[in-house]
Structure formats: structure tokens, C-alpha cells
PDB file of all heavy atoms in Angstrom:
ATOM      1  N   MET A   1       0.824  -1.218   0.006  1.00  0.00           N
ATOM      2  CA  MET A   1       0.010   0.013   0.001  1.00  0.00           C
ATOM      3  C   MET A   1       0.860   1.245  -0.005  1.00  0.00           C
ATOM      4  O   MET A   1       0.545   2.206  -0.730  1.00  0.00           O
ATOM      5  CB  MET A   1      -0.929  -0.024   1.209  1.00  0.00           C
ATOM      6  CG  MET A   1      -2.013  -1.116   1.055  1.00  0.00           C
ATOM      7  SD  MET A   1      -3.082  -1.271   2.487  1.00  0.00           S
ATOM      8  CE  MET A   1      -3.719   0.397   2.632  1.00  0.00           C
ATOM      9  N   MET A   2       1.933   1.242   0.756  1.00  0.00           N
ATOM     10  CA  MET A   2       2.773   2.446   0.843  1.00  0.00           C
ATOM     11  C   MET A   2       3.453   2.721  -0.505  1.00  0.00           C
ATOM     12  O   MET A   2       3.610   3.874  -0.891  1.00  0.00           O
ATOM     13  CB  MET A   2       3.823   2.250   1.921  1.00  0.00           C
ATOM     14  CG  MET A   2       3.272   2.057   3.327  1.00  0.00           C
ATOM     15  SD  MET A   2       2.272   3.434   3.858  1.00  0.00           S
ATOM     16  CE  MET A   2       3.513   4.695   3.989  1.00  0.00           C
ATOM     17  N   LYS A   3       3.802   1.657  -1.222  1.00  0.00           N
ATOM     18  CA  LYS A   3       4.485   1.870  -2.517  1.00  0.00           C
ATOM     19  C   LYS A   3       3.561   2.474  -3.554  1.00  0.00           C
ATOM     20  O   LYS A   3       3.980   3.133  -4.447  1.00  0.00           O
ATOM     21  CB  LYS A   3       5.076   0.531  -3.043  1.00  0.00           C
ATOM     22  CG  LYS A   3       6.259   0.085  -2.250  1.00  0.00           C
ATOM     23  CD  LYS A   3       6.952  -1.106  -2.901  1.00  0.00           C
ATOM     24  CE  LYS A   3       6.136  -2.340  -2.812  1.00  0.00           C
ATOM     25  NZ  LYS A   3       6.853  -3.531  -3.229  1.00  0.00           N
ATOM     26  N   MET A   4       2.207   2.219  -3.417  1.00  0.00           N
ATOM     27  CA  MET A   4       1.307   2.730  -4.447  1.00  0.00           C
ATOM     28  C   MET A   4       0.796   4.131  -4.087  1.00  0.00           C
ATOM     29  O   MET A   4       0.376   4.849  -4.966  1.00  0.00           O
ATOM     30  CB  MET A   4       0.161   1.765  -4.700  1.00  0.00           C
ATOM     31  CG  MET A   4      -0.942   1.785  -3.712  1.00  0.00           C
ATOM     32  SD  MET A   4      -2.271   0.696  -4.204  1.00  0.00           S
ATOM     33  CE  MET A   4      -3.181   0.704  -2.685  1.00  0.00           C
ATOM     34  N   HIS A   5       0.779   4.485  -2.836  1.00  0.00           N
ATOM     35  CA  HIS A   5       0.139   5.726  -2.460  1.00  0.00           C
ATOM     36  C   HIS A   5       0.850   6.999  -2.981  1.00  0.00           C
ATOM     37  O   HIS A   5       0.178   7.903  -3.455  1.00  0.00           O
ATOM     38  CB  HIS A   5      -0.017   5.859  -0.943  1.00  0.00           C
ATOM     39  CG  HIS A   5      -1.188   5.093  -0.434  1.00  0.00           C
ATOM     40  ND1 HIS A   5      -1.500   4.967   0.903  1.00  0.00           N
ATOM     41  CD2 HIS A   5      -2.121   4.403  -1.081  1.00  0.00           C
ATOM     42  CE1 HIS A   5      -2.569   4.217   1.054  1.00  0.00           C
ATOM     43  NE2 HIS A   5      -3.014   3.870  -0.136  1.00  0.00           N
ATOM     44  N   GLY A   6       2.188   7.025  -2.989  1.00  0.00           N
ATOM     45  CA  GLY A   6       2.895   8.168  -3.545  1.00  0.00           C
ATOM     46  C   GLY A   6       2.573   8.384  -5.031  1.00  0.00           C
ATOM     47  O   GLY A   6       2.156   9.473  -5.435  1.00  0.00           O
ATOM     48  N   PRO A   7       2.738   7.327  -5.799  1.00  0.00           N
ATOM     49  CA  PRO A   7       2.388   7.515  -7.260  1.00  0.00           C
ATOM     50  C   PRO A   7       0.895   7.849  -7.493  1.00  0.00           C
ATOM     51  O   PRO A   7       0.584   8.604  -8.401  1.00  0.00           O
ATOM     52  CB  PRO A   7       2.791   6.149  -7.852  1.00  0.00           C
ATOM     53  CG  PRO A   7       3.865   5.658  -6.989  1.00  0.00           C
ATOM     54  CD  PRO A   7       3.468   6.102  -5.593  1.00  0.00           C
ATOM     55  N   MET A   8       0.020   7.284  -6.666  1.00  0.00           N
ATOM     56  CA  MET A   8      -1.389   7.613  -6.819  1.00  0.00           C
ATOM     57  C   MET A   8      -1.636   9.092  -6.509  1.00  0.00           C
ATOM     58  O   MET A   8      -2.423   9.769  -7.206  1.00  0.00           O
ATOM     59  CB  MET A   8      -2.244   6.740  -5.902  1.00  0.00           C
ATOM     60  CG  MET A   8      -2.418   5.312  -6.454  1.00  0.00           C
ATOM     61  SD  MET A   8      -3.459   4.277  -5.390  1.00  0.00           S
ATOM     62  CE  MET A   8      -5.031   5.094  -5.537  1.00  0.00           C
ATOM     63  N   MET A   9      -1.010   9.587  -5.462  1.00  0.00           N
ATOM     64  CA  MET A   9      -1.170  11.038  -5.108  1.00  0.00           C
ATOM     65  C   MET A   9      -0.543  11.890  -6.221  1.00  0.00           C
ATOM     66  O   MET A   9      -1.142  12.908  -6.555  1.00  0.00           O
ATOM     67  CB  MET A   9      -0.538  11.327  -3.736  1.00  0.00           C
ATOM     68  CG  MET A   9      -1.279  10.708  -2.580  1.00  0.00           C
ATOM     69  SD  MET A   9      -0.773  11.233  -0.940  1.00  0.00           S
ATOM     70  CE  MET A   9       1.020  10.988  -1.016  1.00  0.00           C
ATOM     71  N   LYS A  10       0.524  11.468  -6.732  1.00  0.00           N
ATOM     72  CA  LYS A  10       1.176  12.221  -7.825  1.00  0.00           C
ATOM     73  C   LYS A  10       0.263  12.295  -9.015  1.00  0.00           C
ATOM     74  O   LYS A  10       0.041  13.337  -9.640  1.00  0.00           O
ATOM     75  CB  LYS A  10       2.525  11.576  -8.163  1.00  0.00           C
ATOM     76  CG  LYS A  10       3.334  12.386  -9.138  1.00  0.00           C
ATOM     77  CD  LYS A  10       4.724  11.800  -9.264  1.00  0.00           C
ATOM     78  CE  LYS A  10       5.629  12.767 -10.027  1.00  0.00           C
ATOM     79  NZ  LYS A  10       7.022  12.253 -10.078  1.00  0.00           N
ATOM     80  N   ALA A  11      -0.342  11.134  -9.383  1.00  0.00           N
ATOM     81  CA  ALA A  11      -1.286  11.102 -10.487  1.00  0.00           C
ATOM     82  C   ALA A  11      -2.520  11.971 -10.250  1.00  0.00           C
ATOM     83  O   ALA A  11      -3.065  12.570 -11.198  1.00  0.00           O
ATOM     84  CB  ALA A  11      -1.721   9.640 -10.772  1.00  0.00           C
ATOM     85  N   ALA A  12      -2.931  12.062  -8.969  1.00  0.00           N
ATOM     86  CA  ALA A  12      -4.098  12.888  -8.637  1.00  0.00           C
ATOM     87  C   ALA A  12      -3.842  14.365  -8.933  1.00  0.00           C
ATOM     88  O   ALA A  12      -4.774  15.128  -9.054  1.00  0.00           O
ATOM     89  CB  ALA A  12      -4.489  12.697  -7.195  1.00  0.00           C
ATOM     90  N   MET A  13      -2.606  14.742  -9.038  1.00  0.00           N
ATOM     91  CA  MET A  13      -2.241  16.152  -9.290  1.00  0.00           C
ATOM     92  C   MET A  13      -2.163  16.476 -10.782  1.00  0.00           C
ATOM     93  O   MET A  13      -1.992  17.632 -11.137  1.00  0.00           O
ATOM     94  CB  MET A  13      -0.903  16.493  -8.597  1.00  0.00           C
ATOM     95  CG  MET A  13      -0.927  16.293  -7.089  1.00  0.00           C
ATOM     96  SD  MET A  13      -2.329  17.123  -6.248  1.00  0.00           S
ATOM     97  CE  MET A  13      -1.912  18.806  -6.555  1.00  0.00           C
ATOM     98  N   ILE A  14      -2.417  15.489 -11.625  1.00  0.00           N
ATOM     99  CA  ILE A  14      -2.385  15.740 -13.120  1.00  0.00           C
ATOM    100  C   ILE A  14      -3.687  16.463 -13.458  1.00  0.00           C
ATOM    101  O   ILE A  14      -4.764  16.049 -13.020  1.00  0.00           O
ATOM    102  CB  ILE A  14      -2.228  14.382 -13.858  1.00  0.00           C
ATOM    103  CG1 ILE A  14      -0.904  13.765 -13.539  1.00  0.00           C
ATOM    104  CG2 ILE A  14      -2.411  14.646 -15.359  1.00  0.00           C
ATOM    105  CD1 ILE A  14      -0.767  12.318 -14.097  1.00  0.00           C
ATOM    106  N   LYS A  15      -3.557  17.551 -14.212  1.00  0.00           N
ATOM    107  CA  LYS A  15      -4.746  18.342 -14.527  1.00  0.00           C
ATOM    108  C   LYS A  15      -5.670  17.691 -15.545  1.00  0.00           C
ATOM    109  O   LYS A  15      -6.852  17.841 -15.483  1.00  0.00           O
ATOM    110  CB  LYS A  15      -4.312  19.724 -15.043  1.00  0.00           C
ATOM    111  CG  LYS A  15      -3.732  20.531 -13.927  1.00  0.00           C
ATOM    112  CD  LYS A  15      -3.365  21.958 -14.363  1.00  0.00           C
ATOM    113  CE  LYS A  15      -2.767  22.712 -13.221  1.00  0.00           C
ATOM    114  NZ  LYS A  15      -2.571  24.116 -13.547  1.00  0.00           N
ATOM    115  N   ASP A  16      -5.111  16.959 -16.479  1.00  0.00           N
ATOM    116  CA  ASP A  16      -5.906  16.301 -17.480  1.00  0.00           C
ATOM    117  C   ASP A  16      -6.653  15.118 -16.822  1.00  0.00           C
ATOM    118  O   ASP A  16      -6.042  14.226 -16.290  1.00  0.00           O
ATOM    119  CB  ASP A  16      -5.049  15.790 -18.614  1.00  0.00           C
ATOM    120  CG  ASP A  16      -5.841  15.070 -19.688  1.00  0.00           C
ATOM    121  OD1 ASP A  16      -6.330  13.942 -19.440  1.00  0.00           O
ATOM    122  OD2 ASP A  16      -5.973  15.607 -20.831  1.00  0.00           O
ATOM    123  N   PRO A  17      -8.022  15.124 -16.831  1.00  0.00           N
ATOM    124  CA  PRO A  17      -8.732  14.080 -16.087  1.00  0.00           C
ATOM    125  C   PRO A  17      -8.512  12.651 -16.640  1.00  0.00           C
ATOM    126  O   PRO A  17      -8.510  11.702 -15.846  1.00  0.00           O
ATOM    127  CB  PRO A  17     -10.197  14.485 -16.233  1.00  0.00           C
ATOM    128  CG  PRO A  17     -10.267  15.440 -17.411  1.00  0.00           C
ATOM    129  CD  PRO A  17      -8.897  16.094 -17.535  1.00  0.00           C
ATOM    130  N   ASP A  18      -8.334  12.528 -17.940  1.00  0.00           N
ATOM    131  CA  ASP A  18      -8.140  11.205 -18.522  1.00  0.00           C
ATOM    132  C   ASP A  18      -6.743  10.675 -18.163  1.00  0.00           C
ATOM    133  O   ASP A  18      -6.645   9.465 -17.800  1.00  0.00           O
ATOM    134  CB  ASP A  18      -8.277  11.301 -20.029  1.00  0.00           C
ATOM    135  CG  ASP A  18      -9.678  11.745 -20.425  1.00  0.00           C
ATOM    136  OD1 ASP A  18     -10.664  11.260 -19.824  1.00  0.00           O
ATOM    137  OD2 ASP A  18      -9.773  12.608 -21.315  1.00  0.00           O
ATOM    138  N   LEU A  19      -5.770  11.509 -18.215  1.00  0.00           N
ATOM    139  CA  LEU A  19      -4.417  11.094 -17.808  1.00  0.00           C
ATOM    140  C   LEU A  19      -4.404  10.790 -16.320  1.00  0.00           C
ATOM    141  O   LEU A  19      -3.793   9.781 -15.845  1.00  0.00           O
ATOM    142  CB  LEU A  19      -3.369  12.142 -18.122  1.00  0.00           C
ATOM    143  CG  LEU A  19      -2.776  12.106 -19.519  1.00  0.00           C
ATOM    144  CD1 LEU A  19      -1.805  13.313 -19.720  1.00  0.00           C
ATOM    145  CD2 LEU A  19      -2.051  10.770 -19.792  1.00  0.00           C
ATOM    146  N   ALA A  20      -5.008  11.649 -15.486  1.00  0.00           N
ATOM    147  CA  ALA A  20      -5.055  11.483 -14.054  1.00  0.00           C
ATOM    148  C   ALA A  20      -5.682  10.093 -13.709  1.00  0.00           C
ATOM    149  O   ALA A  20      -5.150   9.361 -12.881  1.00  0.00           O
ATOM    150  CB  ALA A  20      -5.784  12.588 -13.370  1.00  0.00           C
ATOM    151  N   PHE A  21      -6.770   9.785 -14.367  1.00  0.00           N
ATOM    152  CA  PHE A  21      -7.475   8.535 -14.131  1.00  0.00           C
ATOM    153  C   PHE A  21      -6.603   7.339 -14.450  1.00  0.00           C
ATOM    154  O   PHE A  21      -6.377   6.462 -13.640  1.00  0.00           O
ATOM    155  CB  PHE A  21      -8.775   8.479 -14.925  1.00  0.00           C
ATOM    156  CG  PHE A  21      -9.402   7.121 -14.945  1.00  0.00           C
ATOM    157  CD1 PHE A  21     -10.043   6.594 -13.818  1.00  0.00           C
ATOM    158  CD2 PHE A  21      -9.274   6.297 -16.065  1.00  0.00           C
ATOM    159  CE1 PHE A  21     -10.586   5.334 -13.826  1.00  0.00           C
ATOM    160  CE2 PHE A  21      -9.825   5.045 -16.095  1.00  0.00           C
ATOM    161  CZ  PHE A  21     -10.492   4.520 -14.954  1.00  0.00           C
ATOM    162  N   ASN A  22      -6.102   7.334 -15.684  1.00  0.00           N
ATOM    163  CA  ASN A  22      -5.293   6.213 -16.124  1.00  0.00           C
ATOM    164  C   ASN A  22      -4.014   6.040 -15.309  1.00  0.00           C
ATOM    165  O   ASN A  22      -3.660   4.945 -14.918  1.00  0.00           O
ATOM    166  CB  ASN A  22      -4.976   6.303 -17.622  1.00  0.00           C
ATOM    167  CG  ASN A  22      -6.196   5.931 -18.474  1.00  0.00           C
ATOM    168  OD1 ASN A  22      -6.541   4.781 -18.599  1.00  0.00           O
ATOM    169  ND2 ASN A  22      -6.857   6.974 -19.008  1.00  0.00           N
ATOM    170  N   CYS A  23      -3.338   7.139 -15.049  1.00  0.00           N
ATOM    171  CA  CYS A  23      -2.093   7.066 -14.304  1.00  0.00           C
ATOM    172  C   CYS A  23      -2.344   6.626 -12.869  1.00  0.00           C
ATOM    173  O   CYS A  23      -1.584   5.798 -12.304  1.00  0.00           O
ATOM    174  CB  CYS A  23      -1.378   8.421 -14.317  1.00  0.00           C
ATOM    175  SG  CYS A  23      -0.836   8.950 -15.989  1.00  0.00           S
ATOM    176  N   GLY A  24      -3.400   7.133 -12.229  1.00  0.00           N
ATOM    177  CA  GLY A  24      -3.734   6.733 -10.884  1.00  0.00           C
ATOM    178  C   GLY A  24      -4.136   5.272 -10.815  1.00  0.00           C
ATOM    179  O   GLY A  24      -3.766   4.525  -9.900  1.00  0.00           O
ATOM    180  N   MET A  25      -4.861   4.773 -11.834  1.00  0.00           N
ATOM    181  CA  MET A  25      -5.293   3.417 -11.848  1.00  0.00           C
ATOM    182  C   MET A  25      -4.123   2.456 -12.080  1.00  0.00           C
ATOM    183  O   MET A  25      -4.107   1.331 -11.589  1.00  0.00           O
ATOM    184  CB  MET A  25      -6.379   3.180 -12.866  1.00  0.00           C
ATOM    185  CG  MET A  25      -7.702   3.804 -12.441  1.00  0.00           C
ATOM    186  SD  MET A  25      -8.313   3.247 -10.815  1.00  0.00           S
ATOM    187  CE  MET A  25      -8.650   1.562 -11.172  1.00  0.00           C
ATOM    188  N   ILE A  26      -3.125   2.879 -12.858  1.00  0.00           N
ATOM    189  CA  ILE A  26      -1.937   2.058 -13.072  1.00  0.00           C
ATOM    190  C   ILE A  26      -1.266   1.793 -11.730  1.00  0.00           C
ATOM    191  O   ILE A  26      -0.954   0.679 -11.368  1.00  0.00           O
ATOM    192  CB  ILE A  26      -0.971   2.703 -14.072  1.00  0.00           C
ATOM    193  CG1 ILE A  26      -1.558   2.629 -15.493  1.00  0.00           C
ATOM    194  CG2 ILE A  26       0.430   2.060 -13.996  1.00  0.00           C
ATOM    195  CD1 ILE A  26      -0.855   3.480 -16.561  1.00  0.00           C
ATOM    196  N   ALA A  27      -1.079   2.882 -10.927  1.00  0.00           N
ATOM    197  CA  ALA A  27      -0.429   2.753  -9.631  1.00  0.00           C
ATOM    198  C   ALA A  27      -1.309   1.889  -8.698  1.00  0.00           C
ATOM    199  O   ALA A  27      -0.799   1.029  -7.993  1.00  0.00           O
ATOM    200  CB  ALA A  27      -0.238   4.130  -8.985  1.00  0.00           C
ATOM    201  N   HIS A  28      -2.626   2.089  -8.726  1.00  0.00           N
ATOM    202  CA  HIS A  28      -3.548   1.303  -7.939  1.00  0.00           C
ATOM    203  C   HIS A  28      -3.482  -0.196  -8.267  1.00  0.00           C
ATOM    204  O   HIS A  28      -3.407  -1.024  -7.369  1.00  0.00           O
ATOM    205  CB  HIS A  28      -4.956   1.857  -8.138  1.00  0.00           C
ATOM    206  CG  HIS A  28      -6.016   1.147  -7.346  1.00  0.00           C
ATOM    207  ND1 HIS A  28      -6.123   1.251  -6.013  1.00  0.00           N
ATOM    208  CD2 HIS A  28      -7.027   0.351  -7.748  1.00  0.00           C
ATOM    209  CE1 HIS A  28      -7.146   0.535  -5.591  1.00  0.00           C
ATOM    210  NE2 HIS A  28      -7.719  -0.015  -6.624  1.00  0.00           N
ATOM    211  N   HIS A  29      -3.445  -0.511  -9.564  1.00  0.00           N
ATOM    212  CA  HIS A  29      -3.400  -1.881 -10.014  1.00  0.00           C
ATOM    213  C   HIS A  29      -2.034  -2.524  -9.605  1.00  0.00           C
ATOM    214  O   HIS A  29      -1.998  -3.699  -9.218  1.00  0.00           O
ATOM    215  CB  HIS A  29      -3.608  -1.980 -11.522  1.00  0.00           C
ATOM    216  CG  HIS A  29      -5.029  -1.919 -11.906  1.00  0.00           C
ATOM    217  ND1 HIS A  29      -6.020  -1.226 -11.264  1.00  0.00           N
ATOM    218  CD2 HIS A  29      -5.657  -2.486 -12.991  1.00  0.00           C
ATOM    219  CE1 HIS A  29      -7.164  -1.341 -11.885  1.00  0.00           C
ATOM    220  NE2 HIS A  29      -6.960  -2.117 -12.956  1.00  0.00           N
ATOM    221  N   GLN A  30      -0.954  -1.748  -9.733  1.00  0.00           N
ATOM    222  CA  GLN A  30       0.327  -2.285  -9.312  1.00  0.00           C
ATOM    223  C   GLN A  30       0.312  -2.588  -7.774  1.00  0.00           C
ATOM    224  O   GLN A  30       0.893  -3.643  -7.376  1.00  0.00           O
ATOM    225  CB  GLN A  30       1.449  -1.312  -9.630  1.00  0.00           C
ATOM    226  CG  GLN A  30       1.725  -1.229 -11.131  1.00  0.00           C
ATOM    227  CD  GLN A  30       2.755  -0.129 -11.491  1.00  0.00           C
ATOM    228  OE1 GLN A  30       2.992   0.793 -10.723  1.00  0.00           O
ATOM    229  NE2 GLN A  30       3.316  -0.274 -12.670  1.00  0.00           N
ATOM    230  N   GLY A  31      -0.324  -1.784  -6.998  1.00  0.00           N
ATOM    231  CA  GLY A  31      -0.476  -2.061  -5.594  1.00  0.00           C
ATOM    232  C   GLY A  31      -1.320  -3.322  -5.343  1.00  0.00           C
ATOM    233  O   GLY A  31      -0.989  -4.122  -4.442  1.00  0.00           O
ATOM    234  N   ALA A  32      -2.347  -3.539  -6.122  1.00  0.00           N
ATOM    235  CA  ALA A  32      -3.149  -4.701  -5.981  1.00  0.00           C
ATOM    236  C   ALA A  32      -2.419  -5.971  -6.326  1.00  0.00           C
ATOM    237  O   ALA A  32      -2.519  -7.008  -5.641  1.00  0.00           O
ATOM    238  CB  ALA A  32      -4.438  -4.593  -6.849  1.00  0.00           C
ATOM    239  N   ILE A  33      -1.538  -5.867  -7.300  1.00  0.00           N
ATOM    240  CA  ILE A  33      -0.689  -6.993  -7.650  1.00  0.00           C
ATOM    241  C   ILE A  33       0.253  -7.322  -6.523  1.00  0.00           C
ATOM    242  O   ILE A  33       0.444  -8.474  -6.114  1.00  0.00           O
ATOM    243  CB  ILE A  33       0.072  -6.746  -8.998  1.00  0.00           C
ATOM    244  CG1 ILE A  33      -0.894  -6.766 -10.161  1.00  0.00           C
ATOM    245  CG2 ILE A  33       1.208  -7.746  -9.187  1.00  0.00           C
ATOM    246  CD1 ILE A  33      -0.338  -6.244 -11.450  1.00  0.00           C
TER     247      ILE A  33
END
């Protein structure tokens, strides 16, 4: 969980909503793995 939270927070700061969604979900999925 700790490894995914930083990248997820970073992705949340992306202004483009489509990029923010996909980038955040990549980090989230990597954490789930």
C-alpha cells in the first residue's frame, strides 16, 4: 500500500482528467498485484 500511495497522489495532481485517471489506476493496480 505504501508503494502505491505516492504515485497515486502524484497522479491525482495531473490536470488532464483522462491522464489522471489512467495514471492513478496504473499505480492502484500495481499495488493490488
